[in-house]
All heavy atoms as atom14 arrays in JSON, in Angstrom:
{
  "sequence": "EYRRMFQLWKEAGIMTYAGFIMGLPNDTPESIRRDIEIIKRE",
  "atom14_mask": [
    [1, 1, 1, 1, 1, 1, 1, 1, 1, 0, 0, 0, 0, 0],
    [1, 1, 1, 1, 1, 1, 1, 1, 1, 1, 1, 1, 0, 0],
    [1, 1, 1, 1, 1, 1, 1, 1, 1, 1, 1, 0, 0, 0],
    [1, 1, 1, 1, 1, 1, 1, 1, 1, 1, 1, 0, 0, 0],
    [1, 1, 1, 1, 1, 1, 1, 1, 0, 0, 0, 0, 0, 0],
    [1, 1, 1, 1, 1, 1, 1, 1, 1, 1, 1, 0, 0, 0],
    [1, 1, 1, 1, 1, 1, 1, 1, 1, 0, 0, 0, 0, 0],
    [1, 1, 1, 1, 1, 1, 1, 1, 0, 0, 0, 0, 0, 0],
    [1, 1, 1, 1, 1, 1, 1, 1, 1, 1, 1, 1, 1, 1],
    [1, 1, 1, 1, 1, 1, 1, 1, 1, 0, 0, 0, 0, 0],
    [1, 1, 1, 1, 1, 1, 1, 1, 1, 0, 0, 0, 0, 0],
    [1, 1, 1, 1, 1, 0, 0, 0, 0, 0, 0, 0, 0, 0],
    [1, 1, 1, 1, 0, 0, 0, 0, 0, 0, 0, 0, 0, 0],
    [1, 1, 1, 1, 1, 1, 1, 1, 0, 0, 0, 0, 0, 0],
    [1, 1, 1, 1, 1, 1, 1, 1, 0, 0, 0, 0, 0, 0],
    [1, 1, 1, 1, 1, 1, 1, 0, 0, 0, 0, 0, 0, 0],
    [1, 1, 1, 1, 1, 1, 1, 1, 1, 1, 1, 1, 0, 0],
    [1, 1, 1, 1, 1, 0, 0, 0, 0, 0, 0, 0, 0, 0],
    [1, 1, 1, 1, 0, 0, 0, 0, 0, 0, 0, 0, 0, 0],
    [1, 1, 1, 1, 1, 1, 1, 1, 1, 1, 1, 0, 0, 0],
    [1, 1, 1, 1, 1, 1, 1, 1, 0, 0, 0, 0, 0, 0],
    [1, 1, 1, 1, 1, 1, 1, 1, 0, 0, 0, 0, 0, 0],
    [1, 1, 1, 1, 0, 0, 0, 0, 0, 0, 0, 0, 0, 0],
    [1, 1, 1, 1, 1, 1, 1, 1, 0, 0, 0, 0, 0, 0],
    [1, 1, 1, 1, 1, 1, 1, 0, 0, 0, 0, 0, 0, 0],
    [1, 1, 1, 1, 1, 1, 1, 1, 0, 0, 0, 0, 0, 0],
    [1, 1, 1, 1, 1, 1, 1, 1, 0, 0, 0, 0, 0, 0],
    [1, 1, 1, 1, 1, 1, 1, 0, 0, 0, 0, 0, 0, 0],
    [1, 1, 1, 1, 1, 1, 1, 0, 0, 0, 0, 0, 0, 0],
    [1, 1, 1, 1, 1, 1, 1, 1, 1, 0, 0, 0, 0, 0],
    [1, 1, 1, 1, 1, 1, 0, 0, 0, 0, 0, 0, 0, 0],
    [1, 1, 1, 1, 1, 1, 1, 1, 0, 0, 0, 0, 0, 0],
    [1, 1, 1, 1, 1, 1, 1, 1, 1, 1, 1, 0, 0, 0],
    [1, 1, 1, 1, 1, 1, 1, 1, 1, 1, 1, 0, 0, 0],
    [1, 1, 1, 1, 1, 1, 1, 1, 0, 0, 0, 0, 0, 0],
    [1, 1, 1, 1, 1, 1, 1, 1, 0, 0, 0, 0, 0, 0],
    [1, 1, 1, 1, 1, 1, 1, 1, 1, 0, 0, 0, 0, 0],
    [1, 1, 1, 1, 1, 1, 1, 1, 0, 0, 0, 0, 0, 0],
    [1, 1, 1, 1, 1, 1, 1, 1, 0, 0, 0, 0, 0, 0],
    [1, 1, 1, 1, 1, 1, 1, 1, 1, 0, 0, 0, 0, 0],
    [1, 1, 1, 1, 1, 1, 1, 1, 1, 1, 1, 0, 0, 0],
    [1, 1, 1, 1, 1, 1, 1, 1, 1, 0, 0, 0, 0, 0]
  ],
  "atom14_positions": [
    [[-28.74, 19.83, -87.14], [-29.75, 20.22, -88.12], [-30.99, 19.33, -88.08], [-32.05, 19.69, -88.61], [-29.17, 20.15, -89.55], [-27.98, 21.05, -89.79], [-28.38, 22.41, -90.32], [-29.58, 22.64, -90.55], [-27.48, 23.24, -90.49], [0.0, 0.0, 0.0], [0.0, 0.0, 0.0], [0.0, 0.0, 0.0], [0.0, 0.0, 0.0], [0.0, 0.0, 0.0]],
    [[-30.87, 18.15, -87.49], [-31.88, 17.13, -87.65], [-33.28, 17.59, -87.22], [-34.26, 17.41, -87.96], [-31.51, 15.88, -86.84], [-30.47, 14.98, -87.48], [-30.05, 13.82, -86.83], [-29.91, 15.26, -88.73], [-29.1, 12.97, -87.4], [-28.97, 14.42, -89.3], [-28.56, 13.28, -88.63], [-27.63, 12.44, -89.19], [0.0, 0.0, 0.0], [0.0, 0.0, 0.0]],
    [[-33.39, 18.13, -86.02], [-34.73, 18.4, -85.48], [-35.45, 19.47, -86.29], [-36.62, 19.31, -86.67], [-34.64, 18.82, -84.0], [-35.97, 18.68, -83.26], [-35.75, 18.53, -81.78], [-35.41, 19.77, -81.15], [-36.29, 20.65, -80.65], [-37.58, 20.39, -80.72], [-35.89, 21.75, -80.08], [0.0, 0.0, 0.0], [0.0, 0.0, 0.0], [0.0, 0.0, 0.0]],
    [[-34.76, 20.56, -86.6], [-35.39, 21.63, -87.38], [-35.68, 21.16, -88.8], [-36.7, 21.53, -89.39], [-34.49, 22.87, -87.4], [-35.1, 24.06, -88.13], [-36.46, 24.43, -87.55], [-37.12, 25.51, -88.27], [-38.44, 25.64, -88.37], [-39.23, 24.74, -87.79], [-38.97, 26.64, -89.04], [0.0, 0.0, 0.0], [0.0, 0.0, 0.0], [0.0, 0.0, 0.0]],
    [[-34.81, 20.32, -89.34], [-35.02, 19.81, -90.7], [-36.33, 19.05, -90.79], [-37.16, 19.3, -91.67], [-33.84, 18.92, -91.09], [-33.96, 18.22, -92.42], [-34.6, 16.53, -92.28], [-33.3, 15.72, -91.37], [0.0, 0.0, 0.0], [0.0, 0.0, 0.0], [0.0, 0.0, 0.0], [0.0, 0.0, 0.0], [0.0, 0.0, 0.0], [0.0, 0.0, 0.0]],
    [[-36.55, 18.11, -89.87], [-37.8, 17.35, -89.89], [-39.01, 18.25, -89.64], [-40.07, 18.06, -90.25], [-37.76, 16.23, -88.85], [-36.95, 15.04, -89.28], [-35.82, 14.65, -88.58], [-37.32, 14.28, -90.38], [-35.07, 13.55, -88.97], [-36.58, 13.18, -90.79], [-35.45, 12.81, -90.07], [0.0, 0.0, 0.0], [0.0, 0.0, 0.0], [0.0, 0.0, 0.0]],
    [[-38.86, 19.24, -88.76], [-39.97, 20.14, -88.49], [-40.4, 20.91, -89.74], [-41.59, 21.11, -89.99], [-39.6, 21.12, -87.37], [-39.53, 20.48, -86.0], [-39.15, 21.47, -84.91], [-38.93, 22.65, -85.18], [-39.06, 21.0, -83.68], [0.0, 0.0, 0.0], [0.0, 0.0, 0.0], [0.0, 0.0, 0.0], [0.0, 0.0, 0.0], [0.0, 0.0, 0.0]],
    [[-39.43, 21.36, -90.54], [-39.76, 22.12, -91.75], [-40.56, 21.27, -92.74], [-41.51, 21.76, -93.37], [-38.48, 22.64, -92.41], [-37.8, 23.82, -91.71], [-36.43, 24.08, -92.32], [-38.67, 25.07, -91.83], [0.0, 0.0, 0.0], [0.0, 0.0, 0.0], [0.0, 0.0, 0.0], [0.0, 0.0, 0.0], [0.0, 0.0, 0.0], [0.0, 0.0, 0.0]],
    [[-40.18, 20.0, -92.89], [-40.94, 19.14, -93.78], [-42.34, 18.9, -93.25], [-43.31, 18.86, -94.01], [-40.2, 17.81, -93.98], [-39.01, 17.94, -94.88], [-37.69, 17.88, -94.54], [-39.02, 18.18, -96.3], [-36.89, 18.07, -95.64], [-37.68, 18.25, -96.73], [-40.04, 18.35, -97.23], [-37.33, 18.47, -98.06], [-39.7, 18.57, -98.57], [-38.36, 18.62, -98.97]],
    [[-42.46, 18.74, -91.94], [-43.79, 18.53, -91.37], [-44.66, 19.78, -91.49], [-45.86, 19.7, -91.75], [-43.69, 18.1, -89.9], [-43.0, 16.78, -89.65], [-43.55, 15.66, -90.51], [-45.02, 15.42, -90.32], [-45.55, 14.38, -91.23], [0.0, 0.0, 0.0], [0.0, 0.0, 0.0], [0.0, 0.0, 0.0], [0.0, 0.0, 0.0], [0.0, 0.0, 0.0]],
    [[-44.08, 20.96, -91.31], [-44.82, 22.21, -91.45], [-45.35, 22.37, -92.87], [-46.36, 23.06, -93.09], [-43.94, 23.39, -91.06], [-43.66, 23.46, -89.56], [-42.53, 24.42, -89.21], [-42.06, 25.15, -90.14], [-42.1, 24.45, -88.05], [0.0, 0.0, 0.0], [0.0, 0.0, 0.0], [0.0, 0.0, 0.0], [0.0, 0.0, 0.0], [0.0, 0.0, 0.0]],
    [[-44.68, 21.76, -93.83], [-45.14, 21.81, -95.22], [-46.19, 20.75, -95.53], [-46.67, 20.66, -96.66], [-43.94, 21.65, -96.16], [0.0, 0.0, 0.0], [0.0, 0.0, 0.0], [0.0, 0.0, 0.0], [0.0, 0.0, 0.0], [0.0, 0.0, 0.0], [0.0, 0.0, 0.0], [0.0, 0.0, 0.0], [0.0, 0.0, 0.0], [0.0, 0.0, 0.0]],
    [[-46.54, 19.93, -94.54], [-47.58, 18.92, -94.73], [-47.1, 17.64, -95.39], [-47.9, 16.9, -95.96], [0.0, 0.0, 0.0], [0.0, 0.0, 0.0], [0.0, 0.0, 0.0], [0.0, 0.0, 0.0], [0.0, 0.0, 0.0], [0.0, 0.0, 0.0], [0.0, 0.0, 0.0], [0.0, 0.0, 0.0], [0.0, 0.0, 0.0], [0.0, 0.0, 0.0]],
    [[-45.81, 17.37, -95.3], [-45.2, 16.25, -96.02], [-44.82, 15.14, -95.04], [-44.27, 15.4, -93.97], [-43.98, 16.74, -96.82], [-44.45, 17.68, -97.94], [-43.18, 15.57, -97.39], [-43.34, 18.37, -98.68], [0.0, 0.0, 0.0], [0.0, 0.0, 0.0], [0.0, 0.0, 0.0], [0.0, 0.0, 0.0], [0.0, 0.0, 0.0], [0.0, 0.0, 0.0]],
    [[-45.12, 13.9, -95.42], [-44.76, 12.75, -94.59], [-43.29, 12.41, -94.82], [-42.79, 12.44, -95.95], [-45.63, 11.54, -94.94], [-47.13, 11.78, -94.78], [-47.59, 12.22, -93.08], [-47.29, 10.66, -92.23], [0.0, 0.0, 0.0], [0.0, 0.0, 0.0], [0.0, 0.0, 0.0], [0.0, 0.0, 0.0], [0.0, 0.0, 0.0], [0.0, 0.0, 0.0]],
    [[-42.61, 12.05, -93.72], [-41.17, 11.82, -93.79], [-40.84, 10.36, -93.5], [-41.31, 9.77, -92.52], [-40.42, 12.71, -92.79], [-40.93, 12.48, -91.46], [-40.59, 14.18, -93.14], [0.0, 0.0, 0.0], [0.0, 0.0, 0.0], [0.0, 0.0, 0.0], [0.0, 0.0, 0.0], [0.0, 0.0, 0.0], [0.0, 0.0, 0.0], [0.0, 0.0, 0.0]],
    [[-40.04, 9.79, -94.38], [-39.38, 8.51, -94.11], [-37.9, 8.84, -93.85], [-37.36, 9.8, -94.42], [-39.37, 7.59, -95.33], [-40.66, 7.2, -95.95], [-41.34, 8.06, -96.81], [-41.19, 5.94, -95.75], [-42.51, 7.67, -97.44], [-42.36, 5.53, -96.37], [-43.01, 6.4, -97.22], [-44.16, 6.01, -97.85], [0.0, 0.0, 0.0], [0.0, 0.0, 0.0]],
    [[-37.24, 8.03, -93.07], [-35.8, 8.19, -92.92], [-35.15, 6.82, -92.88], [-35.68, 5.88, -92.26], [-35.45, 8.97, -91.65], [0.0, 0.0, 0.0], [0.0, 0.0, 0.0], [0.0, 0.0, 0.0], [0.0, 0.0, 0.0], [0.0, 0.0, 0.0], [0.0, 0.0, 0.0], [0.0, 0.0, 0.0], [0.0, 0.0, 0.0], [0.0, 0.0, 0.0]],
    [[-34.03, 6.7, -93.56], [-33.28, 5.46, -93.5], [-32.42, 5.42, -92.25], [-31.89, 6.45, -91.82], [0.0, 0.0, 0.0], [0.0, 0.0, 0.0], [0.0, 0.0, 0.0], [0.0, 0.0, 0.0], [0.0, 0.0, 0.0], [0.0, 0.0, 0.0], [0.0, 0.0, 0.0], [0.0, 0.0, 0.0], [0.0, 0.0, 0.0], [0.0, 0.0, 0.0]],
    [[-32.29, 4.25, -91.66], [-31.44, 4.06, -90.48], [-30.65, 2.78, -90.7], [-31.23, 1.7, -90.86], [-32.29, 3.96, -89.21], [-31.48, 3.92, -87.93], [-31.29, 5.07, -87.18], [-30.91, 2.73, -87.48], [-30.55, 5.04, -86.0], [-30.16, 2.69, -86.32], [-29.99, 3.85, -85.56], [0.0, 0.0, 0.0], [0.0, 0.0, 0.0], [0.0, 0.0, 0.0]],
    [[-29.32, 2.9, -90.73], [-28.45, 1.76, -90.96], [-27.92, 1.25, -89.62], [-27.36, 2.03, -88.84], [-27.29, 2.13, -91.89], [-27.83, 2.57, -93.27], [-26.32, 0.97, -92.05], [-26.76, 3.05, -94.22], [0.0, 0.0, 0.0], [0.0, 0.0, 0.0], [0.0, 0.0, 0.0], [0.0, 0.0, 0.0], [0.0, 0.0, 0.0], [0.0, 0.0, 0.0]],
    [[-28.09, -0.03, -89.37], [-27.58, -0.62, -88.13], [-26.52, -1.66, -88.46], [-26.53, -2.27, -89.53], [-28.71, -1.22, -87.3], [-29.57, -2.24, -88.01], [-28.92, -3.93, -87.94], [-29.16, -4.31, -86.22], [0.0, 0.0, 0.0], [0.0, 0.0, 0.0], [0.0, 0.0, 0.0], [0.0, 0.0, 0.0], [0.0, 0.0, 0.0], [0.0, 0.0, 0.0]],
    [[-25.57, -1.81, -87.52], [-24.48, -2.76, -87.73], [-23.15, -2.09, -88.0], [-22.23, -2.73, -88.5], [0.0, 0.0, 0.0], [0.0, 0.0, 0.0], [0.0, 0.0, 0.0], [0.0, 0.0, 0.0], [0.0, 0.0, 0.0], [0.0, 0.0, 0.0], [0.0, 0.0, 0.0], [0.0, 0.0, 0.0], [0.0, 0.0, 0.0], [0.0, 0.0, 0.0]],
    [[-23.06, -0.78, -87.65], [-21.77, -0.09, -87.76], [-20.8, -0.68, -86.73], [-21.23, -1.32, -85.76], [-21.95, 1.4, -87.55], [-22.38, 2.26, -88.76], [-21.31, 2.24, -89.84], [-23.71, 1.82, -89.32], [0.0, 0.0, 0.0], [0.0, 0.0, 0.0], [0.0, 0.0, 0.0], [0.0, 0.0, 0.0], [0.0, 0.0, 0.0], [0.0, 0.0, 0.0]],
    [[-19.49, -0.49, -86.9], [-18.51, -1.18, -86.04], [-18.73, -1.0, -84.54], [-18.46, -1.92, -83.77], [-17.17, -0.57, -86.49], [-17.4, -0.23, -87.92], [-18.82, 0.23, -88.0], [0.0, 0.0, 0.0], [0.0, 0.0, 0.0], [0.0, 0.0, 0.0], [0.0, 0.0, 0.0], [0.0, 0.0, 0.0], [0.0, 0.0, 0.0], [0.0, 0.0, 0.0]],
    [[-19.21, 0.17, -84.11], [-19.38, 0.41, -82.67], [-20.77, 0.06, -82.16], [-21.07, 0.25, -80.98], [-19.08, 1.88, -82.34], [-17.63, 2.22, -82.55], [-16.74, 1.44, -82.22], [-17.36, 3.38, -83.11], [0.0, 0.0, 0.0], [0.0, 0.0, 0.0], [0.0, 0.0, 0.0], [0.0, 0.0, 0.0], [0.0, 0.0, 0.0], [0.0, 0.0, 0.0]],
    [[-21.64, -0.43, -83.04], [-23.01, -0.74, -82.64], [-23.08, -2.0, -81.76], [-22.37, -2.98, -82.0], [-23.89, -0.97, -83.88], [-24.36, 0.33, -84.5], [-24.24, 1.39, -83.86], [-24.87, 0.29, -85.64], [0.0, 0.0, 0.0], [0.0, 0.0, 0.0], [0.0, 0.0, 0.0], [0.0, 0.0, 0.0], [0.0, 0.0, 0.0], [0.0, 0.0, 0.0]],
    [[-23.96, -1.94, -80.79], [-24.36, -3.1, -80.0], [-25.88, -3.06, -79.9], [-26.49, -2.01, -80.17], [-23.76, -3.07, -78.59], [-24.29, -1.93, -77.89], [-22.23, -2.97, -78.64], [0.0, 0.0, 0.0], [0.0, 0.0, 0.0], [0.0, 0.0, 0.0], [0.0, 0.0, 0.0], [0.0, 0.0, 0.0], [0.0, 0.0, 0.0], [0.0, 0.0, 0.0]],
    [[-26.52, -4.14, -79.5], [-27.97, -4.07, -79.31], [-28.38, -2.95, -78.35], [-29.38, -2.26, -78.58], [-28.32, -5.45, -78.75], [-27.26, -6.35, -79.29], [-26.02, -5.51, -79.32], [0.0, 0.0, 0.0], [0.0, 0.0, 0.0], [0.0, 0.0, 0.0], [0.0, 0.0, 0.0], [0.0, 0.0, 0.0], [0.0, 0.0, 0.0], [0.0, 0.0, 0.0]],
    [[-27.58, -2.74, -77.32], [-27.9, -1.72, -76.33], [-27.77, -0.32, -76.91], [-28.62, 0.55, -76.7], [-27.0, -1.87, -75.09], [-27.2, -3.14, -74.3], [-26.61, -4.38, -74.98], [-25.69, -4.22, -75.82], [-27.07, -5.51, -74.67], [0.0, 0.0, 0.0], [0.0, 0.0, 0.0], [0.0, 0.0, 0.0], [0.0, 0.0, 0.0], [0.0, 0.0, 0.0]],
    [[-26.69, -0.08, -77.67], [-26.49, 1.27, -78.22], [-27.52, 1.58, -79.3], [-27.99, 2.71, -79.42], [-25.07, 1.41, -78.79], [-24.9, 0.63, -79.97], [0.0, 0.0, 0.0], [0.0, 0.0, 0.0], [0.0, 0.0, 0.0], [0.0, 0.0, 0.0], [0.0, 0.0, 0.0], [0.0, 0.0, 0.0], [0.0, 0.0, 0.0], [0.0, 0.0, 0.0]],
    [[-27.89, 0.56, -80.07], [-28.91, 0.77, -81.1], [-30.25, 1.11, -80.47], [-30.94, 2.05, -80.91], [-29.01, -0.48, -82.0], [-27.73, -0.67, -82.81], [-30.21, -0.36, -82.95], [-27.64, -2.0, -83.53], [0.0, 0.0, 0.0], [0.0, 0.0, 0.0], [0.0, 0.0, 0.0], [0.0, 0.0, 0.0], [0.0, 0.0, 0.0], [0.0, 0.0, 0.0]],
    [[-30.62, 0.37, -79.44], [-31.91, 0.64, -78.78], [-31.9, 2.03, -78.14], [-32.9, 2.75, -78.2], [-32.23, -0.42, -77.74], [-33.61, -0.23, -77.13], [-34.15, -1.49, -76.51], [-35.59, -1.36, -76.27], [-36.36, -2.34, -75.83], [-35.83, -3.53, -75.59], [-37.65, -2.15, -75.64], [0.0, 0.0, 0.0], [0.0, 0.0, 0.0], [0.0, 0.0, 0.0]],
    [[-30.77, 2.4, -77.55], [-30.65, 3.75, -76.98], [-30.89, 4.81, -78.05], [-31.65, 5.77, -77.83], [-29.25, 3.92, -76.37], [-28.93, 5.33, -75.87], [-27.43, 5.57, -75.88], [-26.88, 5.51, -77.24], [-25.58, 5.4, -77.52], [-24.69, 5.3, -76.54], [-25.17, 5.37, -78.78], [0.0, 0.0, 0.0], [0.0, 0.0, 0.0], [0.0, 0.0, 0.0]],
    [[-30.28, 4.64, -79.21], [-30.43, 5.63, -80.29], [-31.88, 5.71, -80.77], [-32.39, 6.8, -81.05], [-29.51, 5.28, -81.46], [-28.04, 5.45, -81.12], [-27.74, 5.95, -80.02], [-27.19, 5.06, -81.94], [0.0, 0.0, 0.0], [0.0, 0.0, 0.0], [0.0, 0.0, 0.0], [0.0, 0.0, 0.0], [0.0, 0.0, 0.0], [0.0, 0.0, 0.0]],
    [[-32.54, 4.56, -80.85], [-33.94, 4.55, -81.31], [-34.82, 5.3, -80.31], [-35.7, 6.08, -80.71], [-34.44, 3.11, -81.5], [-33.69, 2.43, -82.65], [-35.94, 3.08, -81.77], [-33.78, 3.16, -83.97], [0.0, 0.0, 0.0], [0.0, 0.0, 0.0], [0.0, 0.0, 0.0], [0.0, 0.0, 0.0], [0.0, 0.0, 0.0], [0.0, 0.0, 0.0]],
    [[-34.6, 5.1, -79.03], [-35.41, 5.79, -78.03], [-35.18, 7.3, -78.08], [-36.11, 8.08, -77.89], [-35.09, 5.24, -76.63], [-35.49, 3.79, -76.42], [-36.96, 3.53, -76.68], [-37.8, 4.39, -76.33], [-37.28, 2.47, -77.26], [0.0, 0.0, 0.0], [0.0, 0.0, 0.0], [0.0, 0.0, 0.0], [0.0, 0.0, 0.0], [0.0, 0.0, 0.0]],
    [[-33.96, 7.71, -78.36], [-33.67, 9.15, -78.48], [-34.39, 9.73, -79.69], [-34.97, 10.83, -79.62], [-32.15, 9.38, -78.57], [-31.48, 9.05, -77.22], [-31.84, 10.84, -78.97], [-29.95, 9.11, -77.27], [0.0, 0.0, 0.0], [0.0, 0.0, 0.0], [0.0, 0.0, 0.0], [0.0, 0.0, 0.0], [0.0, 0.0, 0.0], [0.0, 0.0, 0.0]],
    [[-34.35, 9.02, -80.79], [-35.05, 9.5, -81.99], [-36.53, 9.66, -81.7], [-37.16, 10.67, -82.07], [-34.83, 8.52, -83.16], [-33.38, 8.58, -83.64], [-35.79, 8.84, -84.32], [-33.02, 7.53, -84.68], [0.0, 0.0, 0.0], [0.0, 0.0, 0.0], [0.0, 0.0, 0.0], [0.0, 0.0, 0.0], [0.0, 0.0, 0.0], [0.0, 0.0, 0.0]],
    [[-37.12, 8.7, -81.03], [-38.55, 8.76, -80.72], [-38.89, 9.99, -79.88], [-39.94, 10.61, -80.08], [-38.99, 7.48, -80.0], [-39.03, 6.26, -80.91], [-38.99, 4.95, -80.14], [-40.2, 4.73, -79.28], [-40.18, 3.38, -78.65], [0.0, 0.0, 0.0], [0.0, 0.0, 0.0], [0.0, 0.0, 0.0], [0.0, 0.0, 0.0], [0.0, 0.0, 0.0]],
    [[-38.01, 10.34, -78.98], [-38.29, 11.48, -78.09], [-37.96, 12.83, -78.73], [-38.67, 13.81, -78.49], [-37.49, 11.34, -76.79], [-37.98, 10.27, -75.84], [-37.31, 10.39, -74.49], [-35.87, 10.15, -74.56], [-35.29, 8.97, -74.42], [-36.05, 7.89, -74.23], [-33.97, 8.83, -74.48], [0.0, 0.0, 0.0], [0.0, 0.0, 0.0], [0.0, 0.0, 0.0]],
    [[-36.89, 12.89, -79.52], [-36.34, 14.18, -79.88], [-36.52, 14.58, -81.35], [-36.36, 15.77, -81.67], [-34.85, 14.24, -79.52], [-34.6, 14.1, -78.03], [-33.15, 14.32, -77.63], [-32.28, 14.38, -78.53], [-32.88, 14.45, -76.43], [0.0, 0.0, 0.0], [0.0, 0.0, 0.0], [0.0, 0.0, 0.0], [0.0, 0.0, 0.0], [0.0, 0.0, 0.0]]
  ]
}
């Protein structure tokens, strides 16, 4: 749902903030950076 959800808010002219929690049990610096780069692209 993520991509379409953000698009709908943008189509309405609204600025979006999103919370991102880091430090979950499976997180590493490498996996966190990978996730951030995916968010930036997609």
